[in-house]
PDB file of N, CA and C in Angstrom:
ATOM      1  N   UNK A   1     107.668  83.312  94.130  1.00  0.00           N
ATOM      2  CA  UNK A   1     107.296  84.707  94.268  1.00  0.00           C
ATOM      3  C   UNK A   1     105.834  84.860  93.861  1.00  0.00           C
ATOM      4  N   UNK A   2     105.042  85.447  94.763  1.00  0.00           N
ATOM      5  CA  UNK A   2     103.629  85.642  94.489  1.00  0.00           C
ATOM      6  C   UNK A   2     103.433  86.840  93.577  1.00  0.00           C
ATOM      7  N   UNK A   3     102.409  86.752  92.742  1.00  0.00           N
ATOM      8  CA  UNK A   3     102.086  87.856  91.854  1.00  0.00           C
ATOM      9  C   UNK A   3     101.256  88.888  92.611  1.00  0.00           C
ATOM     10  N   UNK A   4     101.510  90.162  92.350  1.00  0.00           N
ATOM     11  CA  UNK A   4     100.763  91.239  92.995  1.00  0.00           C
ATOM     12  C   UNK A   4      99.367  91.326  92.397  1.00  0.00           C
ATOM     13  N   UNK A   5      98.369  91.457  93.258  1.00  0.00           N
ATOM     14  CA  UNK A   5      96.986  91.621  92.809  1.00  0.00           C
ATOM     15  C   UNK A   5      96.804  93.096  92.468  1.00  0.00           C
ATOM     16  N   UNK A   6      96.297  93.369  91.272  1.00  0.00           N
ATOM     17  CA  UNK A   6      96.205  94.750  90.809  1.00  0.00           C
ATOM     18  C   UNK A   6      94.761  95.233  90.761  1.00  0.00           C
ATOM     19  N   UNK A   7      94.624  96.562  90.821  1.00  0.00           N
ATOM     20  CA  UNK A   7      93.328  97.216  90.658  1.00  0.00           C
ATOM     21  C   UNK A   7      93.242  97.659  89.208  1.00  0.00           C
ATOM     22  N   UNK A   8      92.160  97.316  88.536  1.00  0.00           N
ATOM     23  CA  UNK A   8      92.028  97.660  87.128  1.00  0.00           C
ATOM     24  C   UNK A   8      90.783  98.494  86.825  1.00  0.00           C
ATOM     25  N   UNK A   9      89.790  98.461  87.710  1.00  0.00           N
ATOM     26  CA  UNK A   9      88.522  99.123  87.439  1.00  0.00           C
ATOM     27  C   UNK A   9      88.617 100.621  87.703  1.00  0.00           C
ATOM     28  N   UNK A  10      88.087 101.410  86.776  1.00  0.00           N
ATOM     29  CA  UNK A  10      88.139 102.859  86.884  1.00  0.00           C
ATOM     30  C   UNK A  10      87.357 103.368  88.095  1.00  0.00           C
ATOM     31  N   UNK A  11      86.225 102.754  88.408  1.00  0.00           N
ATOM     32  CA  UNK A  11      85.420 103.232  89.536  1.00  0.00           C
ATOM     33  C   UNK A  11      86.150 103.054  90.862  1.00  0.00           C
ATOM     34  N   UNK A  12      87.000 102.045  90.967  1.00  0.00           N
ATOM     35  CA  UNK A  12      87.785 101.862  92.195  1.00  0.00           C
ATOM     36  C   UNK A  12      88.827 102.978  92.316  1.00  0.00           C
ATOM     37  N   UNK A  13      89.480 103.325  91.211  1.00  0.00           N
ATOM     38  CA  UNK A  13      90.447 104.429  91.230  1.00  0.00           C
ATOM     39  C   UNK A  13      89.749 105.734  91.610  1.00  0.00           C
ATOM     40  N   UNK A  14      88.598 106.015  91.020  1.00  0.00           N
ATOM     41  CA  UNK A  14      87.874 107.256  91.320  1.00  0.00           C
ATOM     42  C   UNK A  14      87.473 107.319  92.790  1.00  0.00           C
ATOM     43  N   UNK A  15      86.998 106.200  93.336  1.00  0.00           N
ATOM     44  CA  UNK A  15      86.627 106.163  94.744  1.00  0.00           C
ATOM     45  C   UNK A  15      87.843 106.421  95.632  1.00  0.00           C
ATOM     46  N   UNK A  16      88.987 105.863  95.264  1.00  0.00           N
ATOM     47  CA  UNK A  16      90.221 106.080  96.039  1.00  0.00           C
ATOM     48  C   UNK A  16      90.608 107.555  96.022  1.00  0.00           C
ATOM     49  N   UNK A  17      90.575 108.174  94.849  1.00  0.00           N
ATOM     50  CA  UNK A  17      90.959 109.581  94.747  1.00  0.00           C
ATOM     51  C   UNK A  17      90.029 110.477  95.565  1.00  0.00           C
ATOM     52  N   UNK A  18      88.735 110.147  95.611  1.00  0.00           N
ATOM     53  CA  UNK A  18      87.763 110.992  96.294  1.00  0.00           C
ATOM     54  C   UNK A  18      87.691 110.760  97.802  1.00  0.00           C
ATOM     55  N   UNK A  19      87.821 109.511  98.241  1.00  0.00           N
ATOM     56  CA  UNK A  19      87.525 109.201  99.639  1.00  0.00           C
ATOM     57  C   UNK A  19      88.699 108.680 100.456  1.00  0.00           C
ATOM     58  N   UNK A  20      89.761 108.224  99.830  1.00  0.00           N
ATOM     59  CA  UNK A  20      90.854 107.608 100.586  1.00  0.00           C
ATOM     60  C   UNK A  20      91.830 108.662 101.101  1.00  0.00           C
ATOM     61  N   UNK A  21      92.386 108.439 102.285  1.00  0.00           N
ATOM     62  CA  UNK A  21      93.434 109.339 102.757  1.00  0.00           C
ATOM     63  C   UNK A  21      94.678 109.197 101.885  1.00  0.00           C
ATOM     64  N   UNK A  22      95.457 110.278 101.781  1.00  0.00           N
ATOM     65  CA  UNK A  22      96.631 110.240 100.920  1.00  0.00           C
ATOM     66  C   UNK A  22      97.836 110.794 101.639  1.00  0.00           C
ATOM     67  N   UNK A  23      99.007 110.384 101.178  1.00  0.00           N
ATOM     68  CA  UNK A  23     100.277 110.914 101.662  1.00  0.00           C
ATOM     69  C   UNK A  23     101.058 111.384 100.442  1.00  0.00           C
ATOM     70  N   UNK A  24     101.577 112.609 100.511  1.00  0.00           N
ATOM     71  CA  UNK A  24     102.244 113.222  99.366  1.00  0.00           C
ATOM     72  C   UNK A  24     103.723 113.360  99.657  1.00  0.00           C
ATOM     73  N   UNK A  25     104.561 112.945  98.710  1.00  0.00           N
ATOM     74  CA  UNK A  25     106.005 113.179  98.746  1.00  0.00           C
ATOM     75  C   UNK A  25     106.371 113.849  97.428  1.00  0.00           C
ATOM     76  N   UNK A  26     107.579 114.383  97.311  1.00  0.00           N
ATOM     77  CA  UNK A  26     107.960 115.017  96.039  1.00  0.00           C
ATOM     78  C   UNK A  26     107.966 114.056  94.842  1.00  0.00           C
ATOM     79  N   UNK A  27     108.106 112.755  95.086  1.00  0.00           N
ATOM     80  CA  UNK A  27     108.209 111.793  93.994  1.00  0.00           C
ATOM     81  C   UNK A  27     106.895 111.078  93.669  1.00  0.00           C
ATOM     82  N   UNK A  28     106.033 110.916  94.673  1.00  0.00           N
ATOM     83  CA  UNK A  28     104.811 110.145  94.450  1.00  0.00           C
ATOM     84  C   UNK A  28     103.738 110.504  95.462  1.00  0.00           C
ATOM     85  N   UNK A  29     102.519 110.088  95.149  1.00  0.00           N
ATOM     86  CA  UNK A  29     101.379 110.228  96.053  1.00  0.00           C
ATOM     87  C   UNK A  29     100.826 108.824  96.277  1.00  0.00           C
ATOM     88  N   UNK A  30     100.542 108.491  97.542  1.00  0.00           N
ATOM     89  CA  UNK A  30     100.005 107.172  97.867  1.00  0.00           C
ATOM     90  C   UNK A  30      98.633 107.348  98.508  1.00  0.00           C
ATOM     91  N   UNK A  31      97.643 106.651  97.963  1.00  0.00           N
ATOM     92  CA  UNK A  31      96.302 106.594  98.537  1.00  0.00           C
ATOM     93  C   UNK A  31      96.110 105.190  99.095  1.00  0.00           C
ATOM     94  N   UNK A  32      95.496 105.077 100.262  1.00  0.00           N
ATOM     95  CA  UNK A  32      95.204 103.737 100.774  1.00  0.00           C
ATOM     96  C   UNK A  32      93.840 103.733 101.447  1.00  0.00           C
ATOM     97  N   UNK A  33      93.155 102.606 101.301  1.00  0.00           N
ATOM     98  CA  UNK A  33      91.826 102.447 101.882  1.00  0.00           C
ATOM     99  C   UNK A  33      91.604 100.974 102.160  1.00  0.00           C
ATOM    100  N   UNK A  34      90.933 100.677 103.259  1.00  0.00           N
ATOM    101  CA  UNK A  34      90.668  99.277 103.597  1.00  0.00           C
ATOM    102  C   UNK A  34      89.779  98.629 102.542  1.00  0.00           C
ATOM    103  N   UNK A  35      90.119  97.406 102.218  1.00  0.00           N
ATOM    104  CA  UNK A  35      89.214  96.605 101.406  1.00  0.00           C
ATOM    105  C   UNK A  35      88.744  95.455 102.295  1.00  0.00           C
ATOM    106  N   UNK A  36      87.790  94.724 101.869  1.00  0.00           N
ATOM    107  CA  UNK A  36      87.268  93.650 102.721  1.00  0.00           C
ATOM    108  C   UNK A  36      87.882  92.309 102.346  1.00  0.00           C
ATOM    109  N   UNK A  37      89.124  92.350 101.945  1.00  0.00           N
ATOM    110  CA  UNK A  37      89.837  91.142 101.535  1.00  0.00           C
ATOM    111  C   UNK A  37      90.968  90.870 102.532  1.00  0.00           C
ATOM    112  N   UNK A  38      91.596  89.719 102.398  1.00  0.00           N
ATOM    113  CA  UNK A  38      92.705  89.389 103.292  1.00  0.00           C
ATOM    114  C   UNK A  38      94.061  89.693 102.661  1.00  0.00           C
ATOM    115  N   UNK A  39      94.056  90.409 101.543  1.00  0.00           N
ATOM    116  CA  UNK A  39      95.306  90.761 100.877  1.00  0.00           C
ATOM    117  C   UNK A  39      95.217  92.187 100.343  1.00  0.00           C
ATOM    118  N   UNK A  40      96.364  92.728  99.990  1.00  0.00           N
ATOM    119  CA  UNK A  40      96.420  94.078  99.426  1.00  0.00           C
ATOM    120  C   UNK A  40      96.231  94.022  97.916  1.00  0.00           C
ATOM    121  N   UNK A  41      95.739  95.130  97.362  1.00  0.00           N
ATOM    122  CA  UNK A  41      95.658  95.280  95.914  1.00  0.00           C
ATOM    123  C   UNK A  41      96.386  96.564  95.550  1.00  0.00           C
ATOM    124  N   UNK A  42      97.056  96.570  94.415  1.00  0.00           N
ATOM    125  CA  UNK A  42      97.871  97.704  93.988  1.00  0.00           C
ATOM    126  C   UNK A  42      97.348  98.300  92.689  1.00  0.00           C
ATOM    127  N   UNK A  43      97.324  99.627  92.629  1.00  0.00           N
ATOM    128  CA  UNK A  43      97.046 100.344  91.400  1.00  0.00           C
ATOM    129  C   UNK A  43      98.140 101.379  91.191  1.00  0.00           C
ATOM    130  N   UNK A  44      98.628 101.513  89.982  1.00  0.00           N
ATOM    131  CA  UNK A  44      99.682 102.482  89.671  1.00  0.00           C
ATOM    132  C   UNK A  44      99.177 103.393  88.560  1.00  0.00           C
ATOM    133  N   UNK A  45      99.338 104.709  88.760  1.00  0.00           N
ATOM    134  CA  UNK A  45      98.915 105.695  87.779  1.00  0.00           C
ATOM    135  C   UNK A  45     100.102 106.557  87.396  1.00  0.00           C
ATOM    136  N   UNK A  46     100.325 106.687  86.093  1.00  0.00           N
ATOM    137  CA  UNK A  46     101.404 107.532  85.580  1.00  0.00           C
ATOM    138  C   UNK A  46     100.819 108.417  84.485  1.00  0.00           C
ATOM    139  N   UNK A  47     100.945 109.716  84.643  1.00  0.00           N
ATOM    140  CA  UNK A  47     100.365 110.667  83.705  1.00  0.00           C
ATOM    141  C   UNK A  47     101.198 110.770  82.432  1.00  0.00           C
ATOM    142  N   UNK A  48     100.545 111.193  81.352  1.00  0.00           N
ATOM    143  CA  UNK A  48     101.270 111.404  80.099  1.00  0.00           C
ATOM    144  C   UNK A  48     102.193 112.618  80.190  1.00  0.00           C
ATOM    145  N   UNK A  49     102.015 113.462  81.201  1.00  0.00           N
ATOM    146  CA  UNK A  49     102.911 114.607  81.407  1.00  0.00           C
ATOM    147  C   UNK A  49     104.322 114.155  81.745  1.00  0.00           C
ATOM    148  N   UNK A  50     104.438 112.930  82.222  1.00  0.00           N
ATOM    149  CA  UNK A  50     105.743 112.415  82.660  1.00  0.00           C
ATOM    150  C   UNK A  50     106.694 112.199  81.497  1.00  0.00           C
ATOM    151  N   UNK A  51     106.162 111.862  80.335  1.00  0.00           N
ATOM    152  CA  UNK A  51     107.011 111.613  79.180  1.00  0.00           C
ATOM    153  C   UNK A  51     106.347 110.633  78.233  1.00  0.00           C
ATOM    154  N   UNK A  52     107.155 110.085  77.348  1.00  0.00           N
ATOM    155  CA  UNK A  52     106.651 109.125  76.376  1.00  0.00           C
ATOM    156  C   UNK A  52     106.354 107.783  77.014  1.00  0.00           C
ATOM    157  N   UNK A  53     105.910 106.854  76.196  1.00  0.00           N
ATOM    158  CA  UNK A  53     105.508 105.539  76.686  1.00  0.00           C
ATOM    159  C   UNK A  53     106.649 104.806  77.376  1.00  0.00           C
ATOM    160  N   UNK A  54     107.858 104.948  76.863  1.00  0.00           N
ATOM    161  CA  UNK A  54     109.008 104.259  77.453  1.00  0.00           C
ATOM    162  C   UNK A  54     109.252 104.763  78.871  1.00  0.00           C
ATOM    163  N   UNK A  55     109.212 106.070  79.054  1.00  0.00           N
ATOM    164  CA  UNK A  55     109.444 106.668  80.372  1.00  0.00           C
ATOM    165  C   UNK A  55     108.325 106.277  81.332  1.00  0.00           C
ATOM    166  N   UNK A  56     107.084 106.338  80.871  1.00  0.00           N
ATOM    167  CA  UNK A  56     105.950 105.994  81.737  1.00  0.00           C
ATOM    168  C   UNK A  56     105.992 104.530  82.152  1.00  0.00           C
ATOM    169  N   UNK A  57     106.288 103.649  81.216  1.00  0.00           N
ATOM    170  CA  UNK A  57     106.355 102.228  81.556  1.00  0.00           C
ATOM    171  C   UNK A  57     107.500 101.929  82.506  1.00  0.00           C
ATOM    172  N   UNK A  58     108.611 102.628  82.358  1.00  0.00           N
ATOM    173  CA  UNK A  58     109.735 102.443  83.271  1.00  0.00           C
ATOM    174  C   UNK A  58     109.344 102.877  84.681  1.00  0.00           C
ATOM    175  N   UNK A  59     108.649 104.012  84.789  1.00  0.00           N
ATOM    176  CA  UNK A  59     108.161 104.470  86.098  1.00  0.00           C
ATOM    177  C   UNK A  59     107.212 103.439  86.705  1.00  0.00           C
ATOM    178  N   UNK A  60     106.301 102.927  85.901  1.00  0.00           N
ATOM    179  CA  UNK A  60     105.359 101.920  86.389  1.00  0.00           C
ATOM    180  C   UNK A  60     106.083 100.684  86.908  1.00  0.00           C
ATOM    181  N   UNK A  61     107.044 100.203  86.159  1.00  0.00           N
ATOM    182  CA  UNK A  61     107.803  99.015  86.580  1.00  0.00           C
ATOM    183  C   UNK A  61     108.544  99.269  87.878  1.00  0.00           C
ATOM    184  N   UNK A  62     109.174 100.435  87.994  1.00  0.00           N
ATOM    185  CA  UNK A  62     109.930 100.759  89.209  1.00  0.00           C
ATOM    186  C   UNK A  62     109.011 100.868  90.416  1.00  0.00           C
ATOM    187  N   UNK A  63     107.842 101.484  90.250  1.00  0.00           N
ATOM    188  CA  UNK A  63     106.912 101.619  91.372  1.00  0.00           C
ATOM    189  C   UNK A  63     106.342 100.267  91.794  1.00  0.00           C
ATOM    190  N   UNK A  64     106.062  99.401  90.824  1.00  0.00           N
ATOM    191  CA  UNK A  64     105.595  98.057  91.177  1.00  0.00           C
ATOM    192  C   UNK A  64     106.662  97.289  91.946  1.00  0.00           C
ATOM    193  N   UNK A  65     107.926  97.472  91.568  1.00  0.00           N
ATOM    194  CA  UNK A  65     109.014  96.787  92.264  1.00  0.00           C
ATOM    195  C   UNK A  65     109.203  97.344  93.673  1.00  0.00           C
ATOM    196  N   UNK A  66     109.082  98.648  93.839  1.00  0.00           N
ATOM    197  CA  UNK A  66     109.159  99.250  95.178  1.00  0.00           C
ATOM    198  C   UNK A  66     108.080  98.646  96.068  1.00  0.00           C
ATOM    199  N   UNK A  67     106.870  98.549  95.532  1.00  0.00           N
ATOM    200  CA  UNK A  67     105.764  97.968  96.283  1.00  0.00           C
ATOM    201  C   UNK A  67     106.026  96.497  96.593  1.00  0.00           C
ATOM    202  N   UNK A  68     106.507  95.748  95.626  1.00  0.00           N
ATOM    203  CA  UNK A  68     106.755  94.315  95.818  1.00  0.00           C
ATOM    204  C   UNK A  68     107.768  94.071  96.932  1.00  0.00           C
ATOM    205  N   UNK A  69     108.822  94.886  96.969  1.00  0.00           N
ATOM    206  CA  UNK A  69     109.839  94.706  98.001  1.00  0.00           C
ATOM    207  C   UNK A  69     109.337  95.135  99.375  1.00  0.00           C
ATOM    208  N   UNK A  70     108.409  96.088  99.431  1.00  0.00           N
ATOM    209  CA  UNK A  70     107.867  96.559 100.707  1.00  0.00           C
ATOM    210  C   UNK A  70     106.699  95.707 101.185  1.00  0.00           C
ATOM    211  N   UNK A  71     106.148  94.874 100.346  1.00  0.00           N
ATOM    212  CA  UNK A  71     104.949  94.092 100.645  1.00  0.00           C
ATOM    213  C   UNK A  71     105.019  93.322 101.974  1.00  0.00           C
ATOM    214  N   UNK A  72     106.124  92.653 102.315  1.00  0.00           N
ATOM    215  CA  UNK A  72     106.137  91.917 103.590  1.00  0.00           C
ATOM    216  C   UNK A  72     106.001  92.815 104.820  1.00  0.00           C
ATOM    217  N   UNK A  73     106.340  94.084 104.694  1.00  0.00           N
ATOM    218  CA  UNK A  73     106.268  95.015 105.827  1.00  0.00           C
ATOM    219  C   UNK A  73     104.946  95.757 105.910  1.00  0.00           C
ATOM    220  N   UNK A  74     104.064  95.574 104.933  1.00  0.00           N
ATOM    221  CA  UNK A  74     102.795  96.303 104.892  1.00  0.00           C
ATOM    222  C   UNK A  74     101.684  95.510 105.574  1.00  0.00           C
ATOM    223  N   UNK A  75     100.745  96.255 106.178  1.00  0.00           N
ATOM    224  CA  UNK A  75      99.548  95.621 106.716  1.00  0.00           C
ATOM    225  C   UNK A  75      98.710  95.099 105.566  1.00  0.00           C
ATOM    226  N   UNK A  76      97.978  94.033 105.837  1.00  0.00           N
ATOM    227  CA  UNK A  76      97.173  93.406 104.789  1.00  0.00           C
ATOM    228  C   UNK A  76      95.726  93.899 104.859  1.00  0.00           C
ATOM    229  N   UNK A  77      95.037  93.814 103.729  1.00  0.00           N
ATOM    230  CA  UNK A  77      93.637  94.193 103.670  1.00  0.00           C
ATOM    231  C   UNK A  77      93.415  95.623 103.211  1.00  0.00           C
ATOM    232  N   UNK A  78      94.319  96.161 102.378  1.00  0.00           N
ATOM    233  CA  UNK A  78      94.206  97.534 101.902  1.00  0.00           C
ATOM    234  C   UNK A  78      94.290  97.586 100.379  1.00  0.00           C
ATOM    235  N   UNK A  79      93.617  98.577  99.811  1.00  0.00           N
ATOM    236  CA  UNK A  79      93.829  98.949  98.421  1.00  0.00           C
ATOM    237  C   UNK A  79      94.840 100.084  98.440  1.00  0.00           C
ATOM    238  N   UNK A  80      95.877  99.981  97.636  1.00  0.00           N
ATOM    239  CA  UNK A  80      96.927 100.991  97.580  1.00  0.00           C
ATOM    240  C   UNK A  80      97.027 101.490  96.145  1.00  0.00           C
ATOM    241  N   UNK A  81      96.946 102.809  95.966  1.00  0.00           N
ATOM    242  CA  UNK A  81      97.122 103.413  94.649  1.00  0.00           C
ATOM    243  C   UNK A  81      98.322 104.350  94.736  1.00  0.00           C
ATOM    244  N   UNK A  82      99.271 104.152  93.830  1.00  0.00           N
ATOM    245  CA  UNK A  82     100.463 105.000  93.764  1.00  0.00           C
ATOM    246  C   UNK A  82     100.360 105.859  92.507  1.00  0.00           C
ATOM    247  N   UNK A  83     100.492 107.161  92.685  1.00  0.00           N
ATOM    248  CA  UNK A  83     100.472 108.095  91.562  1.00  0.00           C
ATOM    249  C   UNK A  83     101.873 108.680  91.422  1.00  0.00           C
ATOM    250  N   UNK A  84     102.488 108.470  90.265  1.00  0.00           N
ATOM    251  CA  UNK A  84     103.832 108.985  90.022  1.00  0.00           C
ATOM    252  C   UNK A  84     103.768 110.482  89.754  1.00  0.00           C
ATOM    253  N   UNK A  85     104.697 111.223  90.348  1.00  0.00           N
ATOM    254  CA  UNK A  85     104.795 112.648  90.066  1.00  0.00           C
ATOM    255  C   UNK A  85     105.949 112.864  89.092  1.00  0.00           C
ATOM    256  N   UNK A  86     106.104 114.084  88.624  1.00  0.00           N
ATOM    257  CA  UNK A  86     107.057 114.374  87.552  1.00  0.00           C
ATOM    258  C   UNK A  86     108.484 113.963  87.897  1.00  0.00           C
ATOM    259  N   UNK A  87     108.901 114.192  89.122  1.00  0.00           N
ATOM    260  CA  UNK A  87     110.281 113.884  89.519  1.00  0.00           C
ATOM    261  C   UNK A  87     110.562 112.389  89.608  1.00  0.00           C
ATOM    262  N   UNK A  88     109.541 111.582  89.585  1.00  0.00           N
ATOM    263  CA  UNK A  88     109.700 110.134  89.700  1.00  0.00           C
ATOM    264  C   UNK A  88     110.514 109.555  88.544  1.00  0.00           C
ATOM    265  N   UNK A  89     110.399 110.178  87.374  1.00  0.00           N
ATOM    266  CA  UNK A  89     111.047 109.639  86.176  1.00  0.00           C
ATOM    267  C   UNK A  89     112.561 109.560  86.320  1.00  0.00           C
ATOM    268  N   UNK A  90     113.170 110.574  86.915  1.00  0.00           N
ATOM    269  CA  UNK A  90     114.628 110.577  87.019  1.00  0.00           C
ATOM    270  C   UNK A  90     115.154 110.322  88.410  1.00  0.00           C
ATOM    271  N   UNK A  91     114.286 109.875  89.306  1.00  0.00           N
ATOM    272  CA  UNK A  91     114.697 109.695  90.698  1.00  0.00           C
ATOM    273  C   UNK A  91     115.581 108.462  90.870  1.00  0.00           C
ATOM    274  N   UNK A  92     116.627 108.570  91.689  1.00  0.00           N
ATOM    275  CA  UNK A  92     117.427 107.378  91.984  1.00  0.00           C
ATOM    276  C   UNK A  92     116.640 106.391  92.848  1.00  0.00           C
ATOM    277  N   UNK A  93     116.999 105.131  92.750  1.00  0.00           N
ATOM    278  CA  UNK A  93     116.279 104.059  93.434  1.00  0.00           C
ATOM    279  C   UNK A  93     116.166 104.266  94.948  1.00  0.00           C
ATOM    280  N   UNK A  94     117.241 104.616  95.672  1.00  0.00           N
ATOM    281  CA  UNK A  94     117.105 104.782  97.126  1.00  0.00           C
ATOM    282  C   UNK A  94     116.101 105.870  97.513  1.00  0.00           C
ATOM    283  N   UNK A  95     116.046 106.958  96.749  1.00  0.00           N
ATOM    284  CA  UNK A  95     115.089 108.026  97.055  1.00  0.00           C
ATOM    285  C   UNK A  95     113.658 107.569  96.788  1.00  0.00           C
ATOM    286  N   UNK A  96     113.473 106.762  95.759  1.00  0.00           N
ATOM    287  CA  UNK A  96     112.142 106.257  95.431  1.00  0.00           C
ATOM    288  C   UNK A  96     111.632 105.337  96.538  1.00  0.00           C
ATOM    289  N   UNK A  97     112.477 104.433  97.003  1.00  0.00           N
ATOM    290  CA  UNK A  97     112.063 103.528  98.082  1.00  0.00           C
ATOM    291  C   UNK A  97     111.832 104.293  99.377  1.00  0.00           C
ATOM    292  N   UNK A  98     112.675 105.278  99.656  1.00  0.00           N
ATOM    293  CA  UNK A  98     112.504 106.077 100.872  1.00  0.00           C
ATOM    294  C   UNK A  98     111.204 106.875 100.821  1.00  0.00           C
ATOM    295  N   UNK A  99     110.858 107.405  99.654  1.00  0.00           N
ATOM    296  CA  UNK A  99     109.617 108.172  99.514  1.00  0.00           C
ATOM    297  C   UNK A  99     108.401 107.273  99.732  1.00  0.00           C
ATOM    298  N   UNK A 100     108.438 106.068  99.182  1.00  0.00           N
ATOM    299  CA  UNK A 100     107.311 105.150  99.366  1.00  0.00           C
ATOM    300  C   UNK A 100     107.183 104.742 100.830  1.00  0.00           C
ATOM    301  N   UNK A 101     108.305 104.436 101.483  1.00  0.00           N
ATOM    302  CA  UNK A 101     108.270 104.055 102.896  1.00  0.00           C
ATOM    303  C   UNK A 101     107.734 105.194 103.763  1.00  0.00           C
ATOM    304  N   UNK A 102     108.164 106.409 103.461  1.00  0.00           N
ATOM    305  CA  UNK A 102     107.705 107.574 104.225  1.00  0.00           C
ATOM    306  C   UNK A 102     106.189 107.748 104.076  1.00  0.00           C
ATOM    307  N   UNK A 103     105.695 107.640 102.855  1.00  0.00           N
ATOM    308  CA  UNK A 103     104.259 107.794 102.608  1.00  0.00           C
ATOM    309  C   UNK A 103     103.463 106.698 103.326  1.00  0.00           C
ATOM    310  N   UNK A 104     103.964 105.475 103.298  1.00  0.00           N
ATOM    311  CA  UNK A 104     103.265 104.369 103.966  1.00  0.00           C
ATOM    312  C   UNK A 104     103.251 104.556 105.478  1.00  0.00           C
ATOM    313  N   UNK A 105     104.330 105.054 106.038  1.00  0.00           N
ATOM    314  CA  UNK A 105     104.354 105.329 107.477  1.00  0.00           C
ATOM    315  C   UNK A 105     103.356 106.426 107.840  1.00  0.00           C
ATOM    316  N   UNK A 106     103.245 107.461 107.002  1.00  0.00           N
ATOM    317  CA  UNK A 106     102.280 108.542 107.260  1.00  0.00           C
ATOM    318  C   UNK A 106     100.850 108.008 107.274  1.00  0.00           C
ATOM    319  N   UNK A 107     100.574 107.036 106.423  1.00  0.00           N
ATOM    320  CA  UNK A 107      99.221 106.481 106.322  1.00  0.00           C
ATOM    321  C   UNK A 107      98.972 105.356 107.322  1.00  0.00           C
ATOM    322  N   UNK A 108      99.992 104.952 108.062  1.00  0.00           N
ATOM    323  CA  UNK A 108      99.841 103.854 109.011  1.00  0.00           C
ATOM    324  C   UNK A 108      99.761 102.502 108.339  1.00  0.00           C
ATOM    325  N   UNK A 109     100.374 102.384 107.191  1.00  0.00           N
ATOM    326  CA  UNK A 109     100.329 101.138 106.416  1.00  0.00           C
ATOM    327  C   UNK A 109     101.440 100.165 106.809  1.00  0.00           C
ATOM    328  N   UNK A 110     102.489 100.670 107.440  1.00  0.00           N
ATOM    329  CA  UNK A 110     103.622  99.820 107.818  1.00  0.00           C
ATOM    330  C   UNK A 110     103.287  99.040 109.090  1.00  0.00           C
ATOM    331  N   UNK A 111     103.756  97.808 109.145  1.00  0.00           N
ATOM    332  CA  UNK A 111     103.632  96.996 110.355  1.00  0.00           C
ATOM    333  C   UNK A 111     104.654  97.506 111.357  1.00  0.00           C
ATOM    334  N   UNK A 112     104.201  98.001 112.488  1.00  0.00           N
ATOM    335  CA  UNK A 112     105.106  98.568 113.478  1.00  0.00           C
ATOM    336  C   UNK A 112     105.759  97.496 114.338  1.00  0.00           C
ATOM    337  N   UNK A 113     105.180  96.307 114.413  1.00  0.00           N
ATOM    338  CA  UNK A 113     105.710  95.248 115.283  1.00  0.00           C
ATOM    339  C   UNK A 113     107.088  94.799 114.847  1.00  0.00           C
ATOM    340  N   UNK A 114     107.390  94.847 113.551  1.00  0.00           N
ATOM    341  CA  UNK A 114     108.678  94.375 113.064  1.00  0.00           C
ATOM    342  C   UNK A 114     109.795  95.385 113.316  1.00  0.00           C
ATOM    343  N   UNK A 115     109.452  96.651 113.551  1.00  0.00           N
ATOM    344  CA  UNK A 115     110.488  97.657 113.771  1.00  0.00           C
ATOM    345  C   UNK A 115     110.964  97.646 115.216  1.00  0.00           C
ATOM    346  N   UNK A 116     110.186  97.133 116.153  1.00  0.00           N
ATOM    347  CA  UNK A 116     110.513  97.191 117.578  1.00  0.00           C
ATOM    348  C   UNK A 116     111.373  96.108 117.957  1.00  0.00           C
TER     349      UNK A 116
END
């Protein structure tokens, strides 16, 4: 299993928030923008409004896993930032995966060749 490449620099997050297209669902917001690499990079943001450290870390882990499972179906060469919304904390797993898939389809991040 390959490790996910993560975004850690604050200036990259700020650029994504300002210039990248976004897709909004009740559970999360996804920003995506082309990078000049041959692989995707992931950034996850969880606000302190969501709850304590345990709740925030659980949300982060769940969102990383949603991304990891969807990775083979995603186009390569993008920076993806996922922002957890308040409802993400108590959302059931199927709704979380469906919300991420819906947002990725809105942004054109899904590989359409595999669905046909």
